[in-house]
Amino acid sequence: MLFKKKPSPALSYDPAAVIPVIRASICTGEKAAGFQETAGGRFHEVMLIRSDKDLAEFRRKYGIKGEIKTVY
């Protein structure tokens, strides 16, 4: 290939202020990845998760390692 896409650097977030979570709907099974504020519990959606590939992209994009909590 003549032109390759360079991987974008990981975006940052403040682990002291927010934690990465997956919000899942009990009724539809729809999942959304985002960050939940530790102080108020407010959820900020970043992307929709349709497959394991989307979840892997979320982890890579934000440099998340380890377990991600799922909330319903």
Protein backbone atom coordinates (compact mmCIF):
# COMPACT_ATOMS: atom_id res chain seq x y z
CA MET A 1 0.00 0.00 0.00
CA LEU A 2 1.23 3.39 -0.87
CA PHE A 3 -0.62 5.30 1.83
CA LYS A 4 -1.22 3.78 5.24
CA LYS A 5 -3.38 5.23 7.92
CA LYS A 6 -1.38 6.10 11.01
CA PRO A 7 -2.97 4.91 14.23
CA SER A 8 -4.36 7.83 16.14
CA PRO A 9 -2.96 8.39 19.64
CA ALA A 10 -5.12 7.37 22.57
CA LEU A 11 -7.49 10.03 23.82
CA SER A 12 -7.23 10.86 27.47
CA TYR A 13 -9.73 10.94 30.30
CA ASP A 14 -9.37 11.69 34.01
CA PRO A 15 -9.63 8.40 35.96
CA ALA A 16 -10.16 10.38 39.18
CA ALA A 17 -13.27 12.10 37.79
CA VAL A 18 -14.82 9.46 35.48
CA ILE A 19 -14.77 5.68 35.00
CA PRO A 20 -15.32 3.81 31.71
CA VAL A 21 -18.62 1.88 31.66
CA ILE A 22 -20.85 0.00 29.25
CA ARG A 23 -24.51 0.97 29.58
CA ALA A 24 -26.80 -1.87 28.47
CA SER A 25 -30.56 -1.86 28.01
CA ILE A 26 -32.37 -4.76 29.67
CA CYS A 27 -35.26 -4.58 27.16
CA THR A 28 -33.49 -4.19 23.81
CA GLY A 29 -29.97 -5.35 24.59
CA GLU A 30 -28.53 -2.17 23.07
CA LYS A 31 -25.12 -1.25 24.48
CA ALA A 32 -23.35 2.10 24.64
CA ALA A 33 -19.81 2.80 25.80
CA GLY A 34 -18.95 5.93 27.68
CA PHE A 35 -17.83 7.42 30.95
CA GLN A 36 -19.66 7.79 34.25
CA GLU A 37 -18.84 10.61 36.64
CA THR A 38 -17.67 9.31 40.00
CA ALA A 39 -19.17 12.25 41.90
CA GLY A 40 -22.66 12.55 40.42
CA GLY A 41 -23.06 9.31 38.50
CA ARG A 42 -23.96 11.08 35.25
CA PHE A 43 -23.26 9.00 32.10
CA HIS A 44 -21.59 10.53 29.01
CA GLU A 45 -22.08 8.32 25.94
CA VAL A 46 -19.14 8.08 23.54
CA MET A 47 -20.13 5.36 21.09
CA LEU A 48 -22.64 2.61 20.34
CA ILE A 49 -21.37 -0.95 20.81
CA ARG A 50 -22.71 -3.32 18.15
CA SER A 51 -19.96 -5.95 18.24
CA ASP A 52 -16.75 -6.98 19.97
CA LYS A 53 -14.90 -4.99 17.31
CA ASP A 54 -16.59 -1.78 18.50
CA LEU A 55 -15.66 -2.56 22.11
CA ALA A 56 -12.05 -3.19 21.08
CA GLU A 57 -12.04 0.16 19.25
CA PHE A 58 -13.35 1.93 22.39
CA ARG A 59 -10.59 0.32 24.47
CA ARG A 60 -7.89 1.22 21.92
CA LYS A 61 -9.16 4.78 21.43
CA TYR A 62 -9.03 5.60 25.15
CA GLY A 63 -6.21 3.26 26.22
CA ILE A 64 -8.43 1.26 28.57
CA LYS A 65 -7.00 -1.94 30.02
CA GLY A 66 -8.76 -4.32 32.36
CA GLU A 67 -12.41 -4.86 33.09
CA ILE A 68 -15.11 -2.36 32.08
CA LYS A 69 -18.12 -2.21 34.41
CA THR A 70 -21.56 -2.80 32.85
CA VAL A 71 -24.53 -0.81 34.20
CA TYR A 72 -28.20 -1.43 33.39
